[in-house]
Every structure is written in structure tokens, then in C-alpha cells.
Amino acid sequence: MARRRVERELALQLAYAMDRTGDGFEDARFRFIQVDPRRRKAWGPYAERLASETAQHREEIDQRLRSVLQHWRLERLSAIDRAILRLAACELMRFAEIPSRVTINEFIEIARRYGNDDSPAFVNGVLDAIARDYPQKDYQLEPHGEEANGKKNRKLGEKGPNANNRQGCAPR
């Protein structure tokens, strides 16, 4: 499994624990990492950043989630779906370097692994609604945002050599 996926899953486990216990970030992280040496070894800078930013901006994230949830209250969602949505919304809102479609696809897969049968489709719908507010993130990244390997960055849908004419890769 890719390193960043592992770190997202660790951040999810911590966010879930914080949601269930009501503990603050620092206390929950300390206990979470200290309990299991494998977690301590796998916990990296991406997990730290994602978990801490989600905790720090939780009110803003929850407000944004509430604005797109239709016929649902955030408090009524399962704790795991709520944690998945908070982390994913944070990544969409605060991690400019990660394209929306990557965030959406990663968290759909995480929902498939940790949620119930309906979680992947539900997560997809909510994240798609949030991602519409960040159209600047719908581009293909090359290393360092510069020309790489002789190819220029292109927005999805732009024609060019070997470019398809699809208008986006996020599942809908």
C-alpha cells in the first residue's frame, strides 16, 4: 500500500478516536502513537499534517460539510463516515498541492475499506459537492509544478499530444 494511503488511514484512525473520546489532538495523538510501535513507525509528516489541520480547522470543516449534506445531519452520520469526510474535506480545502480527484478517489477507497456498503457512494457525493468550490485543483500535477520530462502541465480537457478530451476524472 502506498505510503500516503497508510498515513491517511492512520490519520483516520486518530480522527475516529478523537471523535469517540472527545480528546484533544495532542493527547489523542500521544496515546495513539504510543500504544502501538507499528503506528509510531508508520506515523509520518503527512499523517501529522492531515490530522493536525483537521483538528485545528474542525469548525470550518464541519460548517462546510453541513452546507453540502442534504437530508443528513453531521451528528447523525456514523463516526467513521464523519471522520472520513472531515479528513477528506480538510484535504480538499487546505492542501492546494493535491488535485481534487486524487483526494476523492483516495477517500472513496478508504470508505470502501472502513465504512459500510453505502459509504463509498455517500463519501463520493459529498466530496464532489465540496470539490466544485475548488476548480483550481482540477489539474494534473507534474513534479514541482514545472515542466517535467518535457511535458507541460495541462488542465483536464485541454487537447494536446496524448491528451484525452475528458472533463475530469473524479467519479460522479
C-alpha atoms as a PDB file:
ATOM      1  CA  MET A   1       0.000   0.000   0.000  1.00  0.00           C
ATOM      2  CA  ALA A   2       1.297   3.467  -0.867  1.00  0.00           C
ATOM      3  CA  ARG A   3       2.878   5.451   1.966  1.00  0.00           C
ATOM      4  CA  ARG A   4       0.441   8.353   1.735  1.00  0.00           C
ATOM      5  CA  ARG A   5      -2.546   5.965   1.863  1.00  0.00           C
ATOM      6  CA  VAL A   6      -1.128   4.401   5.031  1.00  0.00           C
ATOM      7  CA  GLU A   7      -0.714   7.844   6.566  1.00  0.00           C
ATOM      8  CA  ARG A   8      -4.267   8.845   5.573  1.00  0.00           C
ATOM      9  CA  GLU A   9      -5.553   5.687   7.241  1.00  0.00           C
ATOM     10  CA  LEU A  10      -3.574   6.430  10.402  1.00  0.00           C
ATOM     11  CA  ALA A  11      -4.958   9.974  10.433  1.00  0.00           C
ATOM     12  CA  LEU A  12      -8.435   8.445  10.032  1.00  0.00           C
ATOM     13  CA  GLN A  13      -7.905   6.136  12.992  1.00  0.00           C
ATOM     14  CA  LEU A  14      -6.789   9.074  15.121  1.00  0.00           C
ATOM     15  CA  ALA A  15      -9.693  11.282  13.954  1.00  0.00           C
ATOM     16  CA  TYR A  16     -12.106   8.462  14.771  1.00  0.00           C
ATOM     17  CA  ALA A  17     -10.597   8.051  18.239  1.00  0.00           C
ATOM     18  CA  MET A  18     -10.825  11.799  18.866  1.00  0.00           C
ATOM     19  CA  ASP A  19     -14.465  11.818  17.754  1.00  0.00           C
ATOM     20  CA  ARG A  20     -15.357   8.897  20.029  1.00  0.00           C
ATOM     21  CA  THR A  21     -13.440  10.058  23.130  1.00  0.00           C
ATOM     22  CA  GLY A  22     -13.682  13.836  22.807  1.00  0.00           C
ATOM     23  CA  ASP A  23      -9.940  14.110  23.477  1.00  0.00           C
ATOM     24  CA  GLY A  24      -7.916  16.972  22.039  1.00  0.00           C
ATOM     25  CA  PHE A  25      -5.389  16.430  19.267  1.00  0.00           C
ATOM     26  CA  GLU A  26      -2.184  16.397  21.327  1.00  0.00           C
ATOM     27  CA  ASP A  27      -3.447  13.975  23.992  1.00  0.00           C
ATOM     28  CA  ALA A  28      -5.111  11.665  21.496  1.00  0.00           C
ATOM     29  CA  ARG A  29      -2.070  11.617  19.201  1.00  0.00           C
ATOM     30  CA  PHE A  30       0.291  10.870  22.074  1.00  0.00           C
ATOM     31  CA  ARG A  31      -1.787   7.894  23.222  1.00  0.00           C
ATOM     32  CA  PHE A  32      -2.493   6.733  19.653  1.00  0.00           C
ATOM     33  CA  ILE A  33       1.175   6.614  18.670  1.00  0.00           C
ATOM     34  CA  GLN A  34       2.485   5.263  21.980  1.00  0.00           C
ATOM     35  CA  VAL A  35       0.098   2.299  22.169  1.00  0.00           C
ATOM     36  CA  ASP A  36       1.386   0.514  19.086  1.00  0.00           C
ATOM     37  CA  PRO A  37       5.023   0.552  17.910  1.00  0.00           C
ATOM     38  CA  ARG A  38       3.860  -0.120  14.331  1.00  0.00           C
ATOM     39  CA  ARG A  39       1.806   3.076  14.415  1.00  0.00           C
ATOM     40  CA  ARG A  40       4.766   5.007  15.780  1.00  0.00           C
ATOM     41  CA  LYS A  41       6.918   3.734  12.927  1.00  0.00           C
ATOM     42  CA  ALA A  42       4.309   4.389  10.207  1.00  0.00           C
ATOM     43  CA  TRP A  43       3.220   7.810  11.517  1.00  0.00           C
ATOM     44  CA  GLY A  44       4.828  10.355   9.218  1.00  0.00           C
ATOM     45  CA  PRO A  45       4.712  14.026   8.298  1.00  0.00           C
ATOM     46  CA  TYR A  46       1.662  13.652   6.064  1.00  0.00           C
ATOM     47  CA  ALA A  47      -0.406  11.931   8.778  1.00  0.00           C
ATOM     48  CA  GLU A  48       0.708  14.603  11.232  1.00  0.00           C
ATOM     49  CA  ARG A  49      -0.224  17.454   8.913  1.00  0.00           C
ATOM     50  CA  LEU A  50      -3.583  15.983   7.878  1.00  0.00           C
ATOM     51  CA  ALA A  51      -4.652  15.077  11.407  1.00  0.00           C
ATOM     52  CA  SER A  52      -3.484  18.341  12.973  1.00  0.00           C
ATOM     53  CA  GLU A  53      -5.021  20.571  10.273  1.00  0.00           C
ATOM     54  CA  THR A  54      -8.298  18.658  10.508  1.00  0.00           C
ATOM     55  CA  ALA A  55      -8.371  19.107  14.280  1.00  0.00           C
ATOM     56  CA  GLN A  56      -7.312  22.753  14.100  1.00  0.00           C
ATOM     57  CA  HIS A  57      -9.932  23.691  11.475  1.00  0.00           C
ATOM     58  CA  ARG A  58     -12.699  21.342  12.574  1.00  0.00           C
ATOM     59  CA  GLU A  59     -15.360  24.045  12.987  1.00  0.00           C
ATOM     60  CA  GLU A  60     -14.740  25.417   9.488  1.00  0.00           C
ATOM     61  CA  ILE A  61     -14.687  21.887   8.035  1.00  0.00           C
ATOM     62  CA  ASP A  62     -17.881  20.892   9.834  1.00  0.00           C
ATOM     63  CA  GLN A  63     -19.607  24.053   8.636  1.00  0.00           C
ATOM     64  CA  ARG A  64     -18.647  23.243   5.037  1.00  0.00           C
ATOM     65  CA  LEU A  65     -19.807  19.641   5.406  1.00  0.00           C
ATOM     66  CA  ARG A  66     -23.152  20.757   6.840  1.00  0.00           C
ATOM     67  CA  SER A  67     -23.659  23.051   3.864  1.00  0.00           C
ATOM     68  CA  VAL A  68     -23.470  20.152   1.379  1.00  0.00           C
ATOM     69  CA  LEU A  69     -25.136  17.383   3.369  1.00  0.00           C
ATOM     70  CA  GLN A  70     -28.642  17.004   2.028  1.00  0.00           C
ATOM     71  CA  HIS A  71     -31.215  15.370   4.291  1.00  0.00           C
ATOM     72  CA  TRP A  72     -28.477  14.437   6.770  1.00  0.00           C
ATOM     73  CA  ARG A  73     -27.131  15.982   9.947  1.00  0.00           C
ATOM     74  CA  LEU A  74     -23.396  15.640  10.516  1.00  0.00           C
ATOM     75  CA  GLU A  75     -24.025  14.406  14.045  1.00  0.00           C
ATOM     76  CA  ARG A  76     -26.232  11.576  12.744  1.00  0.00           C
ATOM     77  CA  LEU A  77     -23.581  10.119  10.432  1.00  0.00           C
ATOM     78  CA  SER A  78     -21.613   7.116  11.607  1.00  0.00           C
ATOM     79  CA  ALA A  79     -18.441   8.128  13.430  1.00  0.00           C
ATOM     80  CA  ILE A  80     -16.274   6.535  10.735  1.00  0.00           C
ATOM     81  CA  ASP A  81     -18.062   8.312   7.856  1.00  0.00           C
ATOM     82  CA  ARG A  82     -17.841  11.591   9.769  1.00  0.00           C
ATOM     83  CA  ALA A  83     -14.089  11.117  10.321  1.00  0.00           C
ATOM     84  CA  ILE A  84     -13.536  10.204   6.649  1.00  0.00           C
ATOM     85  CA  LEU A  85     -15.466  13.255   5.474  1.00  0.00           C
ATOM     86  CA  ARG A  86     -13.637  15.603   7.855  1.00  0.00           C
ATOM     87  CA  LEU A  87     -10.206  14.452   6.716  1.00  0.00           C
ATOM     88  CA  ALA A  88     -11.150  14.497   3.042  1.00  0.00           C
ATOM     89  CA  ALA A  89     -12.776  17.930   3.309  1.00  0.00           C
ATOM     90  CA  CYS A  90      -9.662  19.225   5.039  1.00  0.00           C
ATOM     91  CA  GLU A  91      -7.501  17.852   2.228  1.00  0.00           C
ATOM     92  CA  LEU A  92      -9.761  19.466  -0.386  1.00  0.00           C
ATOM     93  CA  MET A  93      -9.889  22.801   1.412  1.00  0.00           C
ATOM     94  CA  ARG A  94      -6.343  23.165   2.754  1.00  0.00           C
ATOM     95  CA  PHE A  95      -3.959  21.030   0.646  1.00  0.00           C
ATOM     96  CA  ALA A  96      -3.623  23.012  -2.572  1.00  0.00           C
ATOM     97  CA  GLU A  97      -0.942  20.686  -3.940  1.00  0.00           C
ATOM     98  CA  ILE A  98      -3.249  17.653  -4.091  1.00  0.00           C
ATOM     99  CA  PRO A  99      -5.709  17.521  -7.017  1.00  0.00           C
ATOM    100  CA  SER A 100      -9.356  17.074  -6.023  1.00  0.00           C
ATOM    101  CA  ARG A 101      -9.718  13.841  -7.959  1.00  0.00           C
ATOM    102  CA  VAL A 102      -6.832  12.294  -6.003  1.00  0.00           C
ATOM    103  CA  THR A 103      -8.415  13.240  -2.679  1.00  0.00           C
ATOM    104  CA  ILE A 104     -11.828  11.979  -3.752  1.00  0.00           C
ATOM    105  CA  ASN A 105     -10.506   8.677  -5.102  1.00  0.00           C
ATOM    106  CA  GLU A 106      -8.312   8.036  -2.057  1.00  0.00           C
ATOM    107  CA  PHE A 107     -11.099   8.653   0.418  1.00  0.00           C
ATOM    108  CA  ILE A 108     -13.593   6.579  -1.583  1.00  0.00           C
ATOM    109  CA  GLU A 109     -11.171   3.676  -1.264  1.00  0.00           C
ATOM    110  CA  ILE A 110     -10.726   4.353   2.441  1.00  0.00           C
ATOM    111  CA  ALA A 111     -14.532   4.462   2.850  1.00  0.00           C
ATOM    112  CA  ARG A 112     -14.739   1.149   1.000  1.00  0.00           C
ATOM    113  CA  ARG A 113     -12.287  -0.369   3.472  1.00  0.00           C
ATOM    114  CA  TYR A 114     -13.561   1.144   6.736  1.00  0.00           C
ATOM    115  CA  GLY A 115     -17.176   2.166   6.137  1.00  0.00           C
ATOM    116  CA  ASN A 116     -20.349   0.261   5.363  1.00  0.00           C
ATOM    117  CA  ASP A 117     -21.652  -0.720   1.926  1.00  0.00           C
ATOM    118  CA  ASP A 118     -23.162   2.730   1.322  1.00  0.00           C
ATOM    119  CA  SER A 119     -20.134   4.715   2.492  1.00  0.00           C
ATOM    120  CA  PRO A 120     -18.167   4.927  -0.788  1.00  0.00           C
ATOM    121  CA  ALA A 121     -21.071   6.387  -2.781  1.00  0.00           C
ATOM    122  CA  PHE A 122     -22.045   8.718   0.058  1.00  0.00           C
ATOM    123  CA  VAL A 123     -18.461   9.975   0.501  1.00  0.00           C
ATOM    124  CA  ASN A 124     -18.148  10.447  -3.267  1.00  0.00           C
ATOM    125  CA  GLY A 125     -21.284  12.598  -3.440  1.00  0.00           C
ATOM    126  CA  VAL A 126     -20.342  14.816  -0.503  1.00  0.00           C
ATOM    127  CA  LEU A 127     -16.742  15.311  -1.641  1.00  0.00           C
ATOM    128  CA  ASP A 128     -17.789  16.018  -5.213  1.00  0.00           C
ATOM    129  CA  ALA A 129     -20.036  18.818  -3.941  1.00  0.00           C
ATOM    130  CA  ILE A 130     -17.183  20.331  -1.917  1.00  0.00           C
ATOM    131  CA  ALA A 131     -14.661  19.920  -4.742  1.00  0.00           C
ATOM    132  CA  ARG A 132     -16.794  22.121  -7.010  1.00  0.00           C
ATOM    133  CA  ASP A 133     -15.665  25.071  -4.874  1.00  0.00           C
ATOM    134  CA  TYR A 134     -12.023  24.365  -5.739  1.00  0.00           C
ATOM    135  CA  PRO A 135     -11.856  24.244  -9.559  1.00  0.00           C
ATOM    136  CA  GLN A 136      -8.215  25.367  -9.481  1.00  0.00           C
ATOM    137  CA  LYS A 137      -7.324  21.941  -8.060  1.00  0.00           C
ATOM    138  CA  ASP A 138      -8.523  20.103 -11.184  1.00  0.00           C
ATOM    139  CA  TYR A 139      -5.218  19.871 -12.949  1.00  0.00           C
ATOM    140  CA  GLN A 140      -2.559  17.292 -13.438  1.00  0.00           C
ATOM    141  CA  LEU A 141       0.492  17.842 -11.298  1.00  0.00           C
ATOM    142  CA  GLU A 142       3.971  17.251 -12.503  1.00  0.00           C
ATOM    143  CA  PRO A 143       6.867  17.220 -10.063  1.00  0.00           C
ATOM    144  CA  HIS A 144       7.353  20.674  -8.554  1.00  0.00           C
ATOM    145  CA  GLY A 145       4.537  22.076 -10.718  1.00  0.00           C
ATOM    146  CA  GLU A 146       7.027  22.733 -13.504  1.00  0.00           C
ATOM    147  CA  GLU A 147       7.651  21.151 -16.847  1.00  0.00           C
ATOM    148  CA  ALA A 148       8.735  17.610 -16.196  1.00  0.00           C
ATOM    149  CA  ASN A 149      10.086  15.124 -18.651  1.00  0.00           C
ATOM    150  CA  GLY A 150       9.498  17.608 -21.452  1.00  0.00           C
ATOM    151  CA  LYS A 151       5.724  17.798 -20.839  1.00  0.00           C
ATOM    152  CA  LYS A 152       3.854  20.902 -19.814  1.00  0.00           C
ATOM    153  CA  ASN A 153       1.104  20.739 -17.224  1.00  0.00           C
ATOM    154  CA  ARG A 154      -2.320  20.661 -18.824  1.00  0.00           C
ATOM    155  CA  LYS A 155      -5.708  21.122 -17.325  1.00  0.00           C
ATOM    156  CA  LEU A 156      -8.020  18.193 -17.803  1.00  0.00           C
ATOM    157  CA  GLY A 157      -9.941  18.579 -21.011  1.00  0.00           C
ATOM    158  CA  GLU A 158      -7.200  20.512 -22.819  1.00  0.00           C
ATOM    159  CA  LYS A 159      -6.141  18.983 -26.062  1.00  0.00           C
ATOM    160  CA  GLY A 160      -2.562  18.138 -26.629  1.00  0.00           C
ATOM    161  CA  PRO A 161      -0.428  15.229 -27.677  1.00  0.00           C
ATOM    162  CA  ASN A 162      -1.726  12.088 -25.976  1.00  0.00           C
ATOM    163  CA  ALA A 163      -4.356  14.095 -24.069  1.00  0.00           C
ATOM    164  CA  ASN A 164      -7.858  12.777 -23.951  1.00  0.00           C
ATOM    165  CA  ASN A 165     -10.822  15.106 -24.040  1.00  0.00           C
ATOM    166  CA  ARG A 166     -12.438  14.050 -20.774  1.00  0.00           C
ATOM    167  CA  GLN A 167     -13.615  16.828 -18.485  1.00  0.00           C
ATOM    168  CA  GLY A 168     -12.442  15.286 -15.232  1.00  0.00           C
ATOM    169  CA  CYS A 169     -11.510  12.032 -13.613  1.00  0.00           C
ATOM    170  CA  ALA A 170     -13.398  12.223 -10.345  1.00  0.00           C
ATOM    171  CA  PRO A 171     -16.149   9.650 -10.203  1.00  0.00           C
ATOM    172  CA  ARG A 172     -19.614  11.149 -10.282  1.00  0.00           C
END
